[in-house]
């Protein structure tokens, strides 16, 4: 995992690197993301954001017009650059090993995803709320896996098939099953916080067991009537 392990830290470090926003705007955006993560977008007011940023509320409106303008300014770099970069870094680290079994591959992938969600649950709640409410952000999230990561995944899956570790299904279907399983876990863990959480170690074991047994060629195939 990257040295900068949280979305908030990555976002704060990236602000202003392109020289397109001012120091005041950086303070407002960092304060807003922290508050949205601590509470929720709906519960945070512009006065609170301004106070956290150490600026006058009029200054906030001068720079971003309203709270929705702040949210849009936060979401664009996170969805288009930061989150894809962080997830692709995780995927590349998992895919880099040349001597993996199916079990080792799945456990490494699941472990990284579970830890990432645990470290970024609050920020991911902000992102997912926008995912369901904004078509452009939804499209960006769905397309955030880079072509290079997909190519690496193809190589790993073909290698595991050749050694008899992985079921001989189309790679697109295998990836769909991996993404949908881990994506379903992410949504439940982030949005349904009222349910009793399972500890991370047990969650990793359950998800890995489910995926390994489902993708193993040694499982009992289902016979459809």
C-alpha atoms as a PDB file:
ATOM      1  CA  UNK A   1       0.000   0.000   0.000  1.00  0.00           C
ATOM      2  CA  UNK A   2       1.101   3.548  -0.674  1.00  0.00           C
ATOM      3  CA  UNK A   3       2.846   5.490   2.075  1.00  0.00           C
ATOM      4  CA  UNK A   4      -0.133   7.864   1.961  1.00  0.00           C
ATOM      5  CA  UNK A   5      -2.805   5.375   2.948  1.00  0.00           C
ATOM      6  CA  UNK A   6      -5.936   7.499   3.349  1.00  0.00           C
ATOM      7  CA  UNK A   7      -7.978   9.351   0.780  1.00  0.00           C
ATOM      8  CA  UNK A   8      -7.968  12.495   2.932  1.00  0.00           C
ATOM      9  CA  UNK A   9      -4.176  12.486   3.249  1.00  0.00           C
ATOM     10  CA  UNK A  10      -3.705  11.800  -0.458  1.00  0.00           C
ATOM     11  CA  UNK A  11      -6.160  14.557  -1.328  1.00  0.00           C
ATOM     12  CA  UNK A  12      -4.546  17.087   1.004  1.00  0.00           C
ATOM     13  CA  UNK A  13      -1.102  16.281  -0.413  1.00  0.00           C
ATOM     14  CA  UNK A  14      -2.325  16.682  -3.991  1.00  0.00           C
ATOM     15  CA  UNK A  15      -4.081  20.024  -3.549  1.00  0.00           C
ATOM     16  CA  UNK A  16      -2.397  22.877  -5.337  1.00  0.00           C
ATOM     17  CA  UNK A  17       0.229  20.774  -7.105  1.00  0.00           C
ATOM     18  CA  UNK A  18      -1.085  21.895 -10.480  1.00  0.00           C
ATOM     19  CA  UNK A  19      -1.109  25.547  -9.383  1.00  0.00           C
ATOM     20  CA  UNK A  20      -4.765  25.970 -10.341  1.00  0.00           C
ATOM     21  CA  UNK A  21      -6.164  26.664  -6.868  1.00  0.00           C
ATOM     22  CA  UNK A  22      -5.173  29.186  -4.238  1.00  0.00           C
ATOM     23  CA  UNK A  23      -3.997  28.588  -0.694  1.00  0.00           C
ATOM     24  CA  UNK A  24      -7.389  29.748   0.614  1.00  0.00           C
ATOM     25  CA  UNK A  25      -9.207  27.313  -1.663  1.00  0.00           C
ATOM     26  CA  UNK A  26      -6.955  24.488  -0.485  1.00  0.00           C
ATOM     27  CA  UNK A  27      -7.803  25.247   3.148  1.00  0.00           C
ATOM     28  CA  UNK A  28     -11.528  25.304   2.396  1.00  0.00           C
ATOM     29  CA  UNK A  29     -11.492  22.051   0.413  1.00  0.00           C
ATOM     30  CA  UNK A  30      -9.405  20.157   2.983  1.00  0.00           C
ATOM     31  CA  UNK A  31     -11.646  21.376   5.813  1.00  0.00           C
ATOM     32  CA  UNK A  32     -14.799  20.474   3.894  1.00  0.00           C
ATOM     33  CA  UNK A  33     -13.699  16.919   3.078  1.00  0.00           C
ATOM     34  CA  UNK A  34     -12.703  16.310   6.703  1.00  0.00           C
ATOM     35  CA  UNK A  35     -16.085  17.582   7.938  1.00  0.00           C
ATOM     36  CA  UNK A  36     -18.076  15.660   5.325  1.00  0.00           C
ATOM     37  CA  UNK A  37     -16.232  12.498   6.412  1.00  0.00           C
ATOM     38  CA  UNK A  38     -16.719  13.173  10.127  1.00  0.00           C
ATOM     39  CA  UNK A  39     -20.446  13.855   9.797  1.00  0.00           C
ATOM     40  CA  UNK A  40     -22.163  13.871   6.431  1.00  0.00           C
ATOM     41  CA  UNK A  41     -22.613  16.306   3.602  1.00  0.00           C
ATOM     42  CA  UNK A  42     -26.140  17.153   4.724  1.00  0.00           C
ATOM     43  CA  UNK A  43     -25.164  17.829   8.356  1.00  0.00           C
ATOM     44  CA  UNK A  44     -22.296  20.227   7.607  1.00  0.00           C
ATOM     45  CA  UNK A  45     -22.971  23.923   7.048  1.00  0.00           C
ATOM     46  CA  UNK A  46     -20.893  26.500   5.232  1.00  0.00           C
ATOM     47  CA  UNK A  47     -20.237  28.404   8.468  1.00  0.00           C
ATOM     48  CA  UNK A  48     -18.728  25.266   9.992  1.00  0.00           C
ATOM     49  CA  UNK A  49     -16.528  24.714   6.946  1.00  0.00           C
ATOM     50  CA  UNK A  50     -15.348  28.326   7.037  1.00  0.00           C
ATOM     51  CA  UNK A  51     -14.574  28.094  10.761  1.00  0.00           C
ATOM     52  CA  UNK A  52     -12.574  24.881  10.269  1.00  0.00           C
ATOM     53  CA  UNK A  53     -10.677  26.440   7.369  1.00  0.00           C
ATOM     54  CA  UNK A  54     -10.009  29.644   9.321  1.00  0.00           C
ATOM     55  CA  UNK A  55     -11.673  31.932   6.782  1.00  0.00           C
ATOM     56  CA  UNK A  56     -14.744  34.159   6.719  1.00  0.00           C
ATOM     57  CA  UNK A  57     -17.959  32.605   5.375  1.00  0.00           C
ATOM     58  CA  UNK A  58     -18.056  35.357   2.735  1.00  0.00           C
ATOM     59  CA  UNK A  59     -14.640  34.228   1.526  1.00  0.00           C
ATOM     60  CA  UNK A  60     -15.981  30.697   1.139  1.00  0.00           C
ATOM     61  CA  UNK A  61     -18.893  31.912  -1.008  1.00  0.00           C
ATOM     62  CA  UNK A  62     -16.553  34.096  -3.047  1.00  0.00           C
ATOM     63  CA  UNK A  63     -14.457  31.059  -3.946  1.00  0.00           C
ATOM     64  CA  UNK A  64     -17.077  28.328  -4.372  1.00  0.00           C
ATOM     65  CA  UNK A  65     -20.548  29.993  -4.527  1.00  0.00           C
ATOM     66  CA  UNK A  66     -22.173  27.376  -2.250  1.00  0.00           C
ATOM     67  CA  UNK A  67     -21.672  24.052  -0.481  1.00  0.00           C
ATOM     68  CA  UNK A  68     -22.493  22.044  -3.589  1.00  0.00           C
ATOM     69  CA  UNK A  69     -19.738  23.871  -5.424  1.00  0.00           C
ATOM     70  CA  UNK A  70     -17.304  22.754  -2.740  1.00  0.00           C
ATOM     71  CA  UNK A  71     -18.472  19.143  -3.061  1.00  0.00           C
ATOM     72  CA  UNK A  72     -18.002  19.208  -6.829  1.00  0.00           C
ATOM     73  CA  UNK A  73     -14.504  20.663  -6.438  1.00  0.00           C
ATOM     74  CA  UNK A  74     -13.635  17.843  -4.013  1.00  0.00           C
ATOM     75  CA  UNK A  75     -15.184  15.004  -5.983  1.00  0.00           C
ATOM     76  CA  UNK A  76     -13.642  15.717  -9.373  1.00  0.00           C
ATOM     77  CA  UNK A  77      -9.983  15.064  -8.462  1.00  0.00           C
ATOM     78  CA  UNK A  78     -10.849  12.257  -6.041  1.00  0.00           C
ATOM     79  CA  UNK A  79     -12.992  10.305  -8.499  1.00  0.00           C
ATOM     80  CA  UNK A  80     -10.958  11.045 -11.620  1.00  0.00           C
ATOM     81  CA  UNK A  81      -7.418  10.830 -10.213  1.00  0.00           C
ATOM     82  CA  UNK A  82      -6.905  10.028  -6.544  1.00  0.00           C
ATOM     83  CA  UNK A  83      -9.144   7.021  -5.976  1.00  0.00           C
ATOM     84  CA  UNK A  84      -8.172   5.314  -9.261  1.00  0.00           C
ATOM     85  CA  UNK A  85      -4.471   5.875  -8.481  1.00  0.00           C
ATOM     86  CA  UNK A  86      -4.786   4.438  -4.975  1.00  0.00           C
ATOM     87  CA  UNK A  87      -6.784   1.378  -6.072  1.00  0.00           C
ATOM     88  CA  UNK A  88      -4.557   0.724  -9.069  1.00  0.00           C
ATOM     89  CA  UNK A  89      -1.473   0.905  -6.817  1.00  0.00           C
ATOM     90  CA  UNK A  90      -3.043  -1.747  -4.589  1.00  0.00           C
ATOM     91  CA  UNK A  91      -3.912  -3.929  -7.573  1.00  0.00           C
ATOM     92  CA  UNK A  92      -0.440  -3.638  -9.084  1.00  0.00           C
ATOM     93  CA  UNK A  93       1.160  -4.641  -5.786  1.00  0.00           C
ATOM     94  CA  UNK A  94      -1.015  -7.764  -5.637  1.00  0.00           C
ATOM     95  CA  UNK A  95      -0.491  -8.619  -9.300  1.00  0.00           C
ATOM     96  CA  UNK A  96       3.308  -8.164  -9.145  1.00  0.00           C
ATOM     97  CA  UNK A  97       4.000 -11.540  -7.531  1.00  0.00           C
ATOM     98  CA  UNK A  98       5.042 -14.192 -10.051  1.00  0.00           C
ATOM     99  CA  UNK A  99       4.645 -17.305  -7.897  1.00  0.00           C
ATOM    100  CA  UNK A 100       1.109 -16.996  -6.562  1.00  0.00           C
ATOM    101  CA  UNK A 101      -1.419 -19.713  -6.026  1.00  0.00           C
ATOM    102  CA  UNK A 102      -5.096 -18.879  -6.394  1.00  0.00           C
ATOM    103  CA  UNK A 103      -5.360 -18.843  -2.602  1.00  0.00           C
ATOM    104  CA  UNK A 104      -2.417 -16.421  -2.217  1.00  0.00           C
ATOM    105  CA  UNK A 105      -3.724 -14.146  -4.975  1.00  0.00           C
ATOM    106  CA  UNK A 106      -7.263 -13.939  -3.585  1.00  0.00           C
ATOM    107  CA  UNK A 107      -6.173 -13.489   0.038  1.00  0.00           C
ATOM    108  CA  UNK A 108      -3.774 -10.671  -0.921  1.00  0.00           C
ATOM    109  CA  UNK A 109      -6.430  -8.928  -3.023  1.00  0.00           C
ATOM    110  CA  UNK A 110      -9.139  -9.261  -0.370  1.00  0.00           C
ATOM    111  CA  UNK A 111      -6.799  -8.192   2.461  1.00  0.00           C
ATOM    112  CA  UNK A 112      -5.784  -4.998   0.656  1.00  0.00           C
ATOM    113  CA  UNK A 113      -9.400  -4.126  -0.146  1.00  0.00           C
ATOM    114  CA  UNK A 114     -10.668  -4.764   3.396  1.00  0.00           C
ATOM    115  CA  UNK A 115      -7.852  -2.681   4.913  1.00  0.00           C
ATOM    116  CA  UNK A 116      -8.431   0.107   2.392  1.00  0.00           C
ATOM    117  CA  UNK A 117     -12.132   0.259   3.256  1.00  0.00           C
ATOM    118  CA  UNK A 118     -11.397   0.204   6.994  1.00  0.00           C
ATOM    119  CA  UNK A 119      -8.928   3.106   6.693  1.00  0.00           C
ATOM    120  CA  UNK A 120     -11.153   5.174   4.419  1.00  0.00           C
ATOM    121  CA  UNK A 121     -14.720   4.305   5.460  1.00  0.00           C
ATOM    122  CA  UNK A 122     -15.772   7.888   6.231  1.00  0.00           C
ATOM    123  CA  UNK A 123     -14.359   9.352   3.009  1.00  0.00           C
ATOM    124  CA  UNK A 124     -15.816   6.485   0.981  1.00  0.00           C
ATOM    125  CA  UNK A 125     -19.235   7.262   2.434  1.00  0.00           C
ATOM    126  CA  UNK A 126     -18.999  10.754   0.933  1.00  0.00           C
ATOM    127  CA  UNK A 127     -17.868   9.306  -2.403  1.00  0.00           C
ATOM    128  CA  UNK A 128     -20.556   6.612  -2.522  1.00  0.00           C
ATOM    129  CA  UNK A 129     -23.325   9.082  -1.729  1.00  0.00           C
ATOM    130  CA  UNK A 130     -22.218  11.090  -4.753  1.00  0.00           C
ATOM    131  CA  UNK A 131     -21.847   7.875  -6.774  1.00  0.00           C
ATOM    132  CA  UNK A 132     -25.555   7.170  -6.400  1.00  0.00           C
ATOM    133  CA  UNK A 133     -26.626  10.792  -6.965  1.00  0.00           C
ATOM    134  CA  UNK A 134     -24.408  11.959  -9.821  1.00  0.00           C
ATOM    135  CA  UNK A 135     -24.279  10.172 -13.180  1.00  0.00           C
ATOM    136  CA  UNK A 136     -20.928  11.673 -14.234  1.00  0.00           C
ATOM    137  CA  UNK A 137     -19.202  10.618 -11.010  1.00  0.00           C
ATOM    138  CA  UNK A 138     -20.826   7.194 -11.254  1.00  0.00           C
ATOM    139  CA  UNK A 139     -19.414   6.696 -14.743  1.00  0.00           C
ATOM    140  CA  UNK A 140     -15.960   7.800 -13.579  1.00  0.00           C
ATOM    141  CA  UNK A 141     -15.985   5.356 -10.652  1.00  0.00           C
ATOM    142  CA  UNK A 142     -17.074   2.456 -12.862  1.00  0.00           C
ATOM    143  CA  UNK A 143     -14.242   3.170 -15.287  1.00  0.00           C
ATOM    144  CA  UNK A 144     -11.438   3.710 -12.821  1.00  0.00           C
ATOM    145  CA  UNK A 145      -9.518   0.443 -13.363  1.00  0.00           C
ATOM    146  CA  UNK A 146      -6.591   1.294 -15.617  1.00  0.00           C
ATOM    147  CA  UNK A 147      -5.860  -0.703 -18.808  1.00  0.00           C
ATOM    148  CA  UNK A 148      -2.408  -1.638 -17.462  1.00  0.00           C
ATOM    149  CA  UNK A 149      -3.954  -3.216 -14.353  1.00  0.00           C
ATOM    150  CA  UNK A 150      -6.422  -5.148 -16.506  1.00  0.00           C
ATOM    151  CA  UNK A 151      -3.542  -6.393 -18.668  1.00  0.00           C
ATOM    152  CA  UNK A 152      -1.620  -7.515 -15.583  1.00  0.00           C
ATOM    153  CA  UNK A 153      -4.735  -9.258 -14.299  1.00  0.00           C
ATOM    154  CA  UNK A 154      -5.095 -11.116 -17.613  1.00  0.00           C
ATOM    155  CA  UNK A 155      -1.509 -12.386 -17.306  1.00  0.00           C
ATOM    156  CA  UNK A 156      -2.047 -13.559 -13.717  1.00  0.00           C
ATOM    157  CA  UNK A 157      -5.343 -15.291 -14.523  1.00  0.00           C
ATOM    158  CA  UNK A 158      -3.876 -17.042 -17.579  1.00  0.00           C
ATOM    159  CA  UNK A 159      -0.913 -18.217 -15.479  1.00  0.00           C
ATOM    160  CA  UNK A 160      -3.196 -19.568 -12.743  1.00  0.00           C
ATOM    161  CA  UNK A 161      -5.306 -21.365 -15.353  1.00  0.00           C
ATOM    162  CA  UNK A 162      -2.187 -22.922 -16.903  1.00  0.00           C
ATOM    163  CA  UNK A 163      -1.118 -24.343 -13.525  1.00  0.00           C
ATOM    164  CA  UNK A 164      -4.580 -25.727 -12.804  1.00  0.00           C
ATOM    165  CA  UNK A 165      -5.246 -23.251  -9.994  1.00  0.00           C
ATOM    166  CA  UNK A 166      -8.056 -21.249 -11.591  1.00  0.00           C
ATOM    167  CA  UNK A 167     -11.299 -22.354 -13.226  1.00  0.00           C
ATOM    168  CA  UNK A 168     -11.198 -22.112 -17.026  1.00  0.00           C
ATOM    169  CA  UNK A 169     -13.814 -19.388 -17.432  1.00  0.00           C
ATOM    170  CA  UNK A 170     -13.525 -16.179 -19.488  1.00  0.00           C
ATOM    171  CA  UNK A 171     -11.306 -13.672 -17.714  1.00  0.00           C
ATOM    172  CA  UNK A 172     -13.996 -11.011 -18.015  1.00  0.00           C
ATOM    173  CA  UNK A 173     -16.385 -13.197 -16.004  1.00  0.00           C
ATOM    174  CA  UNK A 174     -13.752 -13.911 -13.338  1.00  0.00           C
ATOM    175  CA  UNK A 175     -13.026 -10.192 -12.974  1.00  0.00           C
ATOM    176  CA  UNK A 176     -16.739  -9.447 -12.784  1.00  0.00           C
ATOM    177  CA  UNK A 177     -17.132 -11.927  -9.921  1.00  0.00           C
ATOM    178  CA  UNK A 178     -14.126 -10.486  -8.080  1.00  0.00           C
ATOM    179  CA  UNK A 179     -15.255  -6.881  -8.504  1.00  0.00           C
ATOM    180  CA  UNK A 180     -18.901  -7.536  -7.640  1.00  0.00           C
ATOM    181  CA  UNK A 181     -18.015  -9.501  -4.495  1.00  0.00           C
ATOM    182  CA  UNK A 182     -15.565  -6.907  -3.201  1.00  0.00           C
ATOM    183  CA  UNK A 183     -17.748  -4.018  -4.348  1.00  0.00           C
ATOM    184  CA  UNK A 184     -20.726  -5.485  -2.504  1.00  0.00           C
ATOM    185  CA  UNK A 185     -18.641  -5.740   0.649  1.00  0.00           C
ATOM    186  CA  UNK A 186     -17.528  -2.112   0.256  1.00  0.00           C
ATOM    187  CA  UNK A 187     -21.113  -0.831  -0.055  1.00  0.00           C
ATOM    188  CA  UNK A 188     -22.289  -2.809   2.968  1.00  0.00           C
ATOM    189  CA  UNK A 189     -19.326  -1.808   5.132  1.00  0.00           C
ATOM    190  CA  UNK A 190     -19.545   1.881   4.223  1.00  0.00           C
ATOM    191  CA  UNK A 191     -23.276   2.557   3.979  1.00  0.00           C
ATOM    192  CA  UNK A 192     -24.855   0.051   6.364  1.00  0.00           C
ATOM    193  CA  UNK A 193     -23.029   0.962   9.536  1.00  0.00           C
ATOM    194  CA  UNK A 194     -25.981   0.079  11.754  1.00  0.00           C
ATOM    195  CA  UNK A 195     -25.355  -3.641  11.249  1.00  0.00           C
ATOM    196  CA  UNK A 196     -22.929  -5.323  13.640  1.00  0.00           C
ATOM    197  CA  UNK A 197     -19.507  -5.208  11.931  1.00  0.00           C
ATOM    198  CA  UNK A 198     -17.471  -8.363  11.515  1.00  0.00           C
ATOM    199  CA  UNK A 199     -13.810  -7.947  12.475  1.00  0.00           C
ATOM    200  CA  UNK A 200     -11.450  -7.504   9.529  1.00  0.00           C
ATOM    201  CA  UNK A 201      -9.645 -10.821   9.996  1.00  0.00           C
ATOM    202  CA  UNK A 202     -12.893 -12.784   9.911  1.00  0.00           C
ATOM    203  CA  UNK A 203     -14.167 -10.744   6.957  1.00  0.00           C
ATOM    204  CA  UNK A 204     -10.991 -11.498   4.994  1.00  0.00           C
ATOM    205  CA  UNK A 205     -11.399 -15.204   5.754  1.00  0.00           C
ATOM    206  CA  UNK A 206     -15.055 -15.304   4.664  1.00  0.00           C
ATOM    207  CA  UNK A 207     -14.539 -13.337   1.447  1.00  0.00           C
ATOM    208  CA  UNK A 208     -11.388 -15.253   0.503  1.00  0.00           C
ATOM    209  CA  UNK A 209     -12.988 -18.629   1.223  1.00  0.00           C
ATOM    210  CA  UNK A 210     -16.016 -17.710  -0.889  1.00  0.00           C
ATOM    211  CA  UNK A 211     -13.922 -16.548  -3.847  1.00  0.00           C
ATOM    212  CA  UNK A 212     -11.297 -19.309  -3.748  1.00  0.00           C
ATOM    213  CA  UNK A 213     -13.902 -22.066  -3.588  1.00  0.00           C
ATOM    214  CA  UNK A 214     -15.996 -20.416  -6.286  1.00  0.00           C
ATOM    215  CA  UNK A 215     -13.045 -19.973  -8.670  1.00  0.00           C
ATOM    216  CA  UNK A 216     -11.232 -23.247  -8.022  1.00  0.00           C
ATOM    217  CA  UNK A 217     -11.386 -25.889 -10.777  1.00  0.00           C
ATOM    218  CA  UNK A 218     -11.494 -28.516  -8.014  1.00  0.00           C
ATOM    219  CA  UNK A 219     -14.886 -27.391  -6.726  1.00  0.00           C
ATOM    220  CA  UNK A 220     -18.015 -29.423  -7.462  1.00  0.00           C
ATOM    221  CA  UNK A 221     -19.531 -27.894 -10.640  1.00  0.00           C
ATOM    222  CA  UNK A 222     -23.205 -26.934 -10.536  1.00  0.00           C
ATOM    223  CA  UNK A 223     -25.455 -29.085 -12.718  1.00  0.00           C
ATOM    224  CA  UNK A 224     -28.399 -27.103 -14.065  1.00  0.00           C
ATOM    225  CA  UNK A 225     -31.577 -29.031 -14.715  1.00  0.00           C
END
